[in-house]
Amino acid sequence: MGIIMQSQIHCPDCSNTIHLDTKLLLSGQSFMCTGCGLSVSLSAGSHTLVQQAVQGFDRLAAMKDDVGKQASQYFRKNRI
């Protein structure tokens, strides 16, 4: 996984913001709500789906970087 994705969700019990790191979430770590102490983690059935989504995001980010580099090279070459 190339990009560390910081995210946040609202606690289902108290609506406090829970900050999490997708890489750590995928590794099995749980995150605790500082408002009420509720522990949040991925269910076993969600792990594959979330991992595929993160990998897709990584691929899109790499494609975006590549397109940006190609555009910069084109503009420099053509003095645009």
PDB file of N, CA and C in Angstrom:
ATOM      1  N   MET A   1       0.835  -1.163   0.000  1.00  0.00           N
ATOM      2  CA  MET A   1       0.000   0.000   0.000  1.00  0.00           C
ATOM      3  C   MET A   1       0.885   1.232   0.000  1.00  0.00           C
ATOM      4  N   GLY A   2       0.754   2.064  -0.986  1.00  0.00           N
ATOM      5  CA  GLY A   2       1.645   3.191  -1.123  1.00  0.00           C
ATOM      6  C   GLY A   2       1.257   4.410  -0.320  1.00  0.00           C
ATOM      7  N   ILE A   3      -0.004   4.704  -0.238  1.00  0.00           N
ATOM      8  CA  ILE A   3      -0.446   5.931   0.396  1.00  0.00           C
ATOM      9  C   ILE A   3      -1.090   5.615   1.730  1.00  0.00           C
ATOM     10  N   ILE A   4      -0.703   6.364   2.750  1.00  0.00           N
ATOM     11  CA  ILE A   4      -1.361   6.225   4.044  1.00  0.00           C
ATOM     12  C   ILE A   4      -2.578   7.131   4.010  1.00  0.00           C
ATOM     13  N   MET A   5      -3.715   6.538   4.196  1.00  0.00           N
ATOM     14  CA  MET A   5      -4.949   7.300   4.104  1.00  0.00           C
ATOM     15  C   MET A   5      -5.499   7.587   5.496  1.00  0.00           C
ATOM     16  N   GLN A   6      -5.405   8.839   5.887  1.00  0.00           N
ATOM     17  CA  GLN A   6      -6.002   9.260   7.136  1.00  0.00           C
ATOM     18  C   GLN A   6      -7.478   9.509   6.861  1.00  0.00           C
ATOM     19  N   SER A   7      -8.304   9.097   7.774  1.00  0.00           N
ATOM     20  CA  SER A   7      -9.731   9.261   7.596  1.00  0.00           C
ATOM     21  C   SER A   7     -10.370   9.507   8.945  1.00  0.00           C
ATOM     22  N   GLN A   8     -11.616   9.807   8.909  1.00  0.00           N
ATOM     23  CA  GLN A   8     -12.354   9.960  10.149  1.00  0.00           C
ATOM     24  C   GLN A   8     -13.790   9.516   9.928  1.00  0.00           C
ATOM     25  N   ILE A   9     -14.375   9.005  10.973  1.00  0.00           N
ATOM     26  CA  ILE A   9     -15.778   8.606  10.959  1.00  0.00           C
ATOM     27  C   ILE A   9     -16.423   9.152  12.225  1.00  0.00           C
ATOM     28  N   HIS A  10     -17.731   9.167  12.225  1.00  0.00           N
ATOM     29  CA  HIS A  10     -18.445   9.569  13.433  1.00  0.00           C
ATOM     30  C   HIS A  10     -18.801   8.319  14.226  1.00  0.00           C
ATOM     31  N   CYS A  11     -18.583   8.382  15.516  1.00  0.00           N
ATOM     32  CA  CYS A  11     -18.908   7.269  16.398  1.00  0.00           C
ATOM     33  C   CYS A  11     -20.408   6.985  16.312  1.00  0.00           C
ATOM     34  N   PRO A  12     -20.786   5.720  16.109  1.00  0.00           N
ATOM     35  CA  PRO A  12     -22.212   5.393  16.026  1.00  0.00           C
ATOM     36  C   PRO A  12     -22.942   5.557  17.364  1.00  0.00           C
ATOM     37  N   ASP A  13     -22.199   5.588  18.471  1.00  0.00           N
ATOM     38  CA  ASP A  13     -22.839   5.736  19.781  1.00  0.00           C
ATOM     39  C   ASP A  13     -22.993   7.189  20.213  1.00  0.00           C
ATOM     40  N   CYS A  14     -21.909   7.999  20.077  1.00  0.00           N
ATOM     41  CA  CYS A  14     -21.957   9.362  20.624  1.00  0.00           C
ATOM     42  C   CYS A  14     -21.716  10.452  19.579  1.00  0.00           C
ATOM     43  N   SER A  15     -21.466  10.082  18.336  1.00  0.00           N
ATOM     44  CA  SER A  15     -21.221  11.008  17.222  1.00  0.00           C
ATOM     45  C   SER A  15     -19.906  11.773  17.313  1.00  0.00           C
ATOM     46  N   ASN A  16     -19.044  11.432  18.268  1.00  0.00           N
ATOM     47  CA  ASN A  16     -17.719  12.032  18.351  1.00  0.00           C
ATOM     48  C   ASN A  16     -16.911  11.598  17.120  1.00  0.00           C
ATOM     49  N   THR A  17     -15.944  12.401  16.700  1.00  0.00           N
ATOM     50  CA  THR A  17     -15.099  12.053  15.557  1.00  0.00           C
ATOM     51  C   THR A  17     -14.035  11.048  15.980  1.00  0.00           C
ATOM     52  N   ILE A  18     -13.930   9.954  15.217  1.00  0.00           N
ATOM     53  CA  ILE A  18     -12.891   8.949  15.436  1.00  0.00           C
ATOM     54  C   ILE A  18     -11.926   9.042  14.265  1.00  0.00           C
ATOM     55  N   HIS A  19     -10.671   9.369  14.541  1.00  0.00           N
ATOM     56  CA  HIS A  19      -9.643   9.448  13.505  1.00  0.00           C
ATOM     57  C   HIS A  19      -9.016   8.067  13.348  1.00  0.00           C
ATOM     58  N   LEU A  20      -8.807   7.657  12.093  1.00  0.00           N
ATOM     59  CA  LEU A  20      -8.198   6.354  11.859  1.00  0.00           C
ATOM     60  C   LEU A  20      -7.274   6.394  10.663  1.00  0.00           C
ATOM     61  N   ASP A  21      -6.417   5.407  10.590  1.00  0.00           N
ATOM     62  CA  ASP A  21      -5.450   5.238   9.510  1.00  0.00           C
ATOM     63  C   ASP A  21      -5.823   3.943   8.791  1.00  0.00           C
ATOM     64  N   THR A  22      -6.117   4.040   7.508  1.00  0.00           N
ATOM     65  CA  THR A  22      -6.604   2.885   6.754  1.00  0.00           C
ATOM     66  C   THR A  22      -5.623   1.724   6.773  1.00  0.00           C
ATOM     67  N   LYS A  23      -4.330   2.019   6.669  1.00  0.00           N
ATOM     68  CA  LYS A  23      -3.327   0.948   6.680  1.00  0.00           C
ATOM     69  C   LYS A  23      -3.382   0.184   8.001  1.00  0.00           C
ATOM     70  N   LEU A  24      -3.474   0.911   9.100  1.00  0.00           N
ATOM     71  CA  LEU A  24      -3.557   0.257  10.407  1.00  0.00           C
ATOM     72  C   LEU A  24      -4.881  -0.479  10.572  1.00  0.00           C
ATOM     73  N   LEU A  25      -5.951   0.094  10.039  1.00  0.00           N
ATOM     74  CA  LEU A  25      -7.256  -0.564  10.097  1.00  0.00           C
ATOM     75  C   LEU A  25      -7.203  -1.900   9.360  1.00  0.00           C
ATOM     76  N   LEU A  26      -6.561  -1.910   8.183  1.00  0.00           N
ATOM     77  CA  LEU A  26      -6.426  -3.145   7.405  1.00  0.00           C
ATOM     78  C   LEU A  26      -5.541  -4.173   8.091  1.00  0.00           C
ATOM     79  N   SER A  27      -4.610  -3.709   8.916  1.00  0.00           N
ATOM     80  CA  SER A  27      -3.727  -4.644   9.619  1.00  0.00           C
ATOM     81  C   SER A  27      -4.401  -5.253  10.844  1.00  0.00           C
ATOM     82  N   GLY A  28      -5.634  -4.829  11.116  1.00  0.00           N
ATOM     83  CA  GLY A  28      -6.379  -5.419  12.222  1.00  0.00           C
ATOM     84  C   GLY A  28      -6.485  -4.547  13.455  1.00  0.00           C
ATOM     85  N   GLN A  29      -5.881  -3.373  13.409  1.00  0.00           N
ATOM     86  CA  GLN A  29      -5.945  -2.489  14.576  1.00  0.00           C
ATOM     87  C   GLN A  29      -7.345  -1.914  14.726  1.00  0.00           C
ATOM     88  N   SER A  30      -7.758  -1.762  15.957  1.00  0.00           N
ATOM     89  CA  SER A  30      -9.032  -1.105  16.226  1.00  0.00           C
ATOM     90  C   SER A  30      -8.752   0.316  16.699  1.00  0.00           C
ATOM     91  N   PHE A  31      -9.746   1.153  16.587  1.00  0.00           N
ATOM     92  CA  PHE A  31      -9.638   2.552  16.989  1.00  0.00           C
ATOM     93  C   PHE A  31     -10.732   2.844  18.003  1.00  0.00           C
ATOM     94  N   MET A  32     -10.368   3.603  19.029  1.00  0.00           N
ATOM     95  CA  MET A  32     -11.296   3.856  20.115  1.00  0.00           C
ATOM     96  C   MET A  32     -11.819   5.287  20.054  1.00  0.00           C
ATOM     97  N   CYS A  33     -13.094   5.428  20.304  1.00  0.00           N
ATOM     98  CA  CYS A  33     -13.717   6.736  20.412  1.00  0.00           C
ATOM     99  C   CYS A  33     -13.272   7.369  21.728  1.00  0.00           C
ATOM    100  N   THR A  34     -12.753   8.592  21.647  1.00  0.00           N
ATOM    101  CA  THR A  34     -12.319   9.278  22.865  1.00  0.00           C
ATOM    102  C   THR A  34     -13.503   9.830  23.652  1.00  0.00           C
ATOM    103  N   GLY A  35     -14.668   9.852  23.025  1.00  0.00           N
ATOM    104  CA  GLY A  35     -15.855  10.359  23.706  1.00  0.00           C
ATOM    105  C   GLY A  35     -16.526   9.335  24.598  1.00  0.00           C
ATOM    106  N   CYS A  36     -16.674   8.106  24.090  1.00  0.00           N
ATOM    107  CA  CYS A  36     -17.425   7.104  24.850  1.00  0.00           C
ATOM    108  C   CYS A  36     -16.676   5.784  25.037  1.00  0.00           C
ATOM    109  N   GLY A  37     -15.520   5.627  24.373  1.00  0.00           N
ATOM    110  CA  GLY A  37     -14.733   4.408  24.541  1.00  0.00           C
ATOM    111  C   GLY A  37     -15.104   3.273  23.605  1.00  0.00           C
ATOM    112  N   LEU A  38     -16.043   3.490  22.687  1.00  0.00           N
ATOM    113  CA  LEU A  38     -16.422   2.450  21.732  1.00  0.00           C
ATOM    114  C   LEU A  38     -15.231   2.094  20.851  1.00  0.00           C
ATOM    115  N   SER A  39     -15.016   0.811  20.611  1.00  0.00           N
ATOM    116  CA  SER A  39     -13.927   0.339  19.765  1.00  0.00           C
ATOM    117  C   SER A  39     -14.470   0.050  18.365  1.00  0.00           C
ATOM    118  N   VAL A  40     -13.774   0.559  17.352  1.00  0.00           N
ATOM    119  CA  VAL A  40     -14.188   0.390  15.964  1.00  0.00           C
ATOM    120  C   VAL A  40     -13.092  -0.362  15.220  1.00  0.00           C
ATOM    121  N   SER A  41     -13.477  -1.401  14.467  1.00  0.00           N
ATOM    122  CA  SER A  41     -12.536  -2.159  13.648  1.00  0.00           C
ATOM    123  C   SER A  41     -13.278  -2.712  12.439  1.00  0.00           C
ATOM    124  N   LEU A  42     -12.528  -3.285  11.503  1.00  0.00           N
ATOM    125  CA  LEU A  42     -13.145  -3.902  10.329  1.00  0.00           C
ATOM    126  C   LEU A  42     -13.663  -5.284  10.675  1.00  0.00           C
ATOM    127  N   SER A  43     -14.828  -5.599  10.154  1.00  0.00           N
ATOM    128  CA  SER A  43     -15.309  -6.970  10.288  1.00  0.00           C
ATOM    129  C   SER A  43     -14.524  -7.838   9.310  1.00  0.00           C
ATOM    130  N   ALA A  44     -14.462  -9.112   9.573  1.00  0.00           N
ATOM    131  CA  ALA A  44     -13.703 -10.033   8.716  1.00  0.00           C
ATOM    132  C   ALA A  44     -14.188  -9.969   7.268  1.00  0.00           C
ATOM    133  N   GLY A  45     -15.480  -9.810   7.067  1.00  0.00           N
ATOM    134  CA  GLY A  45     -16.036  -9.758   5.721  1.00  0.00           C
ATOM    135  C   GLY A  45     -15.724  -8.480   4.965  1.00  0.00           C
ATOM    136  N   SER A  46     -15.379  -7.422   5.662  1.00  0.00           N
ATOM    137  CA  SER A  46     -15.093  -6.133   5.028  1.00  0.00           C
ATOM    138  C   SER A  46     -13.638  -5.975   4.624  1.00  0.00           C
ATOM    139  N   HIS A  47     -12.762  -6.771   5.191  1.00  0.00           N
ATOM    140  CA  HIS A  47     -11.325  -6.597   4.989  1.00  0.00           C
ATOM    141  C   HIS A  47     -10.943  -6.617   3.515  1.00  0.00           C
ATOM    142  N   THR A  48     -11.400  -7.611   2.770  1.00  0.00           N
ATOM    143  CA  THR A  48     -11.041  -7.749   1.358  1.00  0.00           C
ATOM    144  C   THR A  48     -11.565  -6.575   0.543  1.00  0.00           C
ATOM    145  N   LEU A  49     -12.799  -6.179   0.776  1.00  0.00           N
ATOM    146  CA  LEU A  49     -13.399  -5.071   0.036  1.00  0.00           C
ATOM    147  C   LEU A  49     -12.645  -3.764   0.284  1.00  0.00           C
ATOM    148  N   VAL A  50     -12.328  -3.483   1.533  1.00  0.00           N
ATOM    149  CA  VAL A  50     -11.601  -2.251   1.862  1.00  0.00           C
ATOM    150  C   VAL A  50     -10.191  -2.301   1.282  1.00  0.00           C
ATOM    151  N   GLN A  51      -9.542  -3.450   1.354  1.00  0.00           N
ATOM    152  CA  GLN A  51      -8.194  -3.587   0.800  1.00  0.00           C
ATOM    153  C   GLN A  51      -8.204  -3.343  -0.713  1.00  0.00           C
ATOM    154  N   GLN A  52      -9.205  -3.873  -1.406  1.00  0.00           N
ATOM    155  CA  GLN A  52      -9.311  -3.657  -2.848  1.00  0.00           C
ATOM    156  C   GLN A  52      -9.547  -2.179  -3.157  1.00  0.00           C
ATOM    157  N   ALA A  53     -10.370  -1.523  -2.360  1.00  0.00           N
ATOM    158  CA  ALA A  53     -10.631  -0.099  -2.564  1.00  0.00           C
ATOM    159  C   ALA A  53      -9.361   0.724  -2.365  1.00  0.00           C
ATOM    160  N   VAL A  54      -8.593   0.409  -1.341  1.00  0.00           N
ATOM    161  CA  VAL A  54      -7.347   1.136  -1.079  1.00  0.00           C
ATOM    162  C   VAL A  54      -6.347   0.897  -2.206  1.00  0.00           C
ATOM    163  N   GLN A  55      -6.251  -0.333  -2.685  1.00  0.00           N
ATOM    164  CA  GLN A  55      -5.346  -0.629  -3.800  1.00  0.00           C
ATOM    165  C   GLN A  55      -5.777   0.125  -5.057  1.00  0.00           C
ATOM    166  N   GLY A  56      -7.087   0.205  -5.288  1.00  0.00           N
ATOM    167  CA  GLY A  56      -7.595   0.974  -6.422  1.00  0.00           C
ATOM    168  C   GLY A  56      -7.251   2.449  -6.288  1.00  0.00           C
ATOM    169  N   PHE A  57      -7.374   2.977  -5.083  1.00  0.00           N
ATOM    170  CA  PHE A  57      -7.008   4.367  -4.830  1.00  0.00           C
ATOM    171  C   PHE A  57      -5.526   4.585  -5.108  1.00  0.00           C
ATOM    172  N   ASP A  58      -4.686   3.658  -4.662  1.00  0.00           N
ATOM    173  CA  ASP A  58      -3.242   3.758  -4.912  1.00  0.00           C
ATOM    174  C   ASP A  58      -2.944   3.776  -6.413  1.00  0.00           C
ATOM    175  N   ARG A  59      -3.643   2.917  -7.169  1.00  0.00           N
ATOM    176  CA  ARG A  59      -3.436   2.882  -8.622  1.00  0.00           C
ATOM    177  C   ARG A  59      -3.853   4.207  -9.266  1.00  0.00           C
ATOM    178  N   LEU A  60      -4.998   4.751  -8.842  1.00  0.00           N
ATOM    179  CA  LEU A  60      -5.453   6.029  -9.385  1.00  0.00           C
ATOM    180  C   LEU A  60      -4.481   7.157  -9.050  1.00  0.00           C
ATOM    181  N   ALA A  61      -3.967   7.163  -7.832  1.00  0.00           N
ATOM    182  CA  ALA A  61      -3.005   8.194  -7.428  1.00  0.00           C
ATOM    183  C   ALA A  61      -1.739   8.100  -8.277  1.00  0.00           C
ATOM    184  N   ALA A  62      -1.280   6.878  -8.560  1.00  0.00           N
ATOM    185  CA  ALA A  62      -0.088   6.692  -9.389  1.00  0.00           C
ATOM    186  C   ALA A  62      -0.355   7.158 -10.822  1.00  0.00           C
ATOM    187  N   MET A  63      -1.549   6.866 -11.341  1.00  0.00           N
ATOM    188  CA  MET A  63      -1.908   7.307 -12.688  1.00  0.00           C
ATOM    189  C   MET A  63      -1.960   8.832 -12.753  1.00  0.00           C
ATOM    190  N   LYS A  64      -2.517   9.451 -11.727  1.00  0.00           N
ATOM    191  CA  LYS A  64      -2.604  10.913 -11.669  1.00  0.00           C
ATOM    192  C   LYS A  64      -1.204  11.520 -11.689  1.00  0.00           C
ATOM    193  N   ASP A  65      -0.306  10.962 -10.898  1.00  0.00           N
ATOM    194  CA  ASP A  65       1.071  11.458 -10.870  1.00  0.00           C
ATOM    195  C   ASP A  65       1.728  11.314 -12.238  1.00  0.00           C
ATOM    196  N   ASP A  66       1.501  10.186 -12.895  1.00  0.00           N
ATOM    197  CA  ASP A  66       2.099   9.933 -14.203  1.00  0.00           C
ATOM    198  C   ASP A  66       1.565  10.919 -15.243  1.00  0.00           C
ATOM    199  N   VAL A  67       0.262  11.165 -15.228  1.00  0.00           N
ATOM    200  CA  VAL A  67      -0.332  12.114 -16.172  1.00  0.00           C
ATOM    201  C   VAL A  67       0.224  13.513 -15.925  1.00  0.00           C
ATOM    202  N   GLY A  68       0.378  13.887 -14.664  1.00  0.00           N
ATOM    203  CA  GLY A  68       0.945  15.194 -14.335  1.00  0.00           C
ATOM    204  C   GLY A  68       2.364  15.348 -14.852  1.00  0.00           C
ATOM    205  N   LYS A  69       3.167  14.315 -14.701  1.00  0.00           N
ATOM    206  CA  LYS A  69       4.549  14.351 -15.193  1.00  0.00           C
ATOM    207  C   LYS A  69       4.576  14.458 -16.717  1.00  0.00           C
ATOM    208  N   GLN A  70       3.710  13.678 -17.375  1.00  0.00           N
ATOM    209  CA  GLN A  70       3.665  13.721 -18.835  1.00  0.00           C
ATOM    210  C   GLN A  70       3.227  15.095 -19.323  1.00  0.00           C
ATOM    211  N   ALA A  71       2.251  15.693 -18.666  1.00  0.00           N
ATOM    212  CA  ALA A  71       1.778  17.021 -19.058  1.00  0.00           C
ATOM    213  C   ALA A  71       2.880  18.057 -18.874  1.00  0.00           C
ATOM    214  N   SER A  72       3.595  17.983 -17.766  1.00  0.00           N
ATOM    215  CA  SER A  72       4.693  18.928 -17.521  1.00  0.00           C
ATOM    216  C   SER A  72       5.766  18.803 -18.593  1.00  0.00           C
ATOM    217  N   GLN A  73       6.105  17.567 -18.947  1.00  0.00           N
ATOM    218  CA  GLN A  73       7.113  17.349 -19.988  1.00  0.00           C
ATOM    219  C   GLN A  73       6.636  17.904 -21.330  1.00  0.00           C
ATOM    220  N   TYR A  74       5.372  17.693 -21.638  1.00  0.00           N
ATOM    221  CA  TYR A  74       4.812  18.184 -22.900  1.00  0.00           C
ATOM    222  C   TYR A  74       4.871  19.708 -22.951  1.00  0.00           C
ATOM    223  N   PHE A  75       4.452  20.355 -21.862  1.00  0.00           N
ATOM    224  CA  PHE A  75       4.434  21.817 -21.837  1.00  0.00           C
ATOM    225  C   PHE A  75       5.843  22.403 -21.903  1.00  0.00           C
ATOM    226  N   ARG A  76       6.793  21.766 -21.231  1.00  0.00           N
ATOM    227  CA  ARG A  76       8.178  22.230 -21.306  1.00  0.00           C
ATOM    228  C   ARG A  76       8.730  22.060 -22.727  1.00  0.00           C
ATOM    229  N   LYS A  77       8.450  20.914 -23.319  1.00  0.00           N
ATOM    230  CA  LYS A  77       8.955  20.621 -24.658  1.00  0.00           C
ATOM    231  C   LYS A  77       8.363  21.584 -25.688  1.00  0.00           C
ATOM    232  N   ASN A  78       7.086  21.876 -25.544  1.00  0.00           N
ATOM    233  CA  ASN A  78       6.391  22.725 -26.514  1.00  0.00           C
ATOM    234  C   ASN A  78       6.311  24.188 -26.073  1.00  0.00           C
ATOM    235  N   ARG A  79       6.957  24.497 -24.973  1.00  0.00           N
ATOM    236  CA  ARG A  79       7.015  25.865 -24.434  1.00  0.00           C
ATOM    237  C   ARG A  79       5.640  26.510 -24.339  1.00  0.00           C
ATOM    238  N   ILE A  80       4.744  25.777 -23.768  1.00  0.00           N
ATOM    239  CA  ILE A  80       3.370  26.271 -23.596  1.00  0.00           C
ATOM    240  C   ILE A  80       3.226  26.859 -22.216  1.00  0.00           C
TER     241      ILE A  80
END
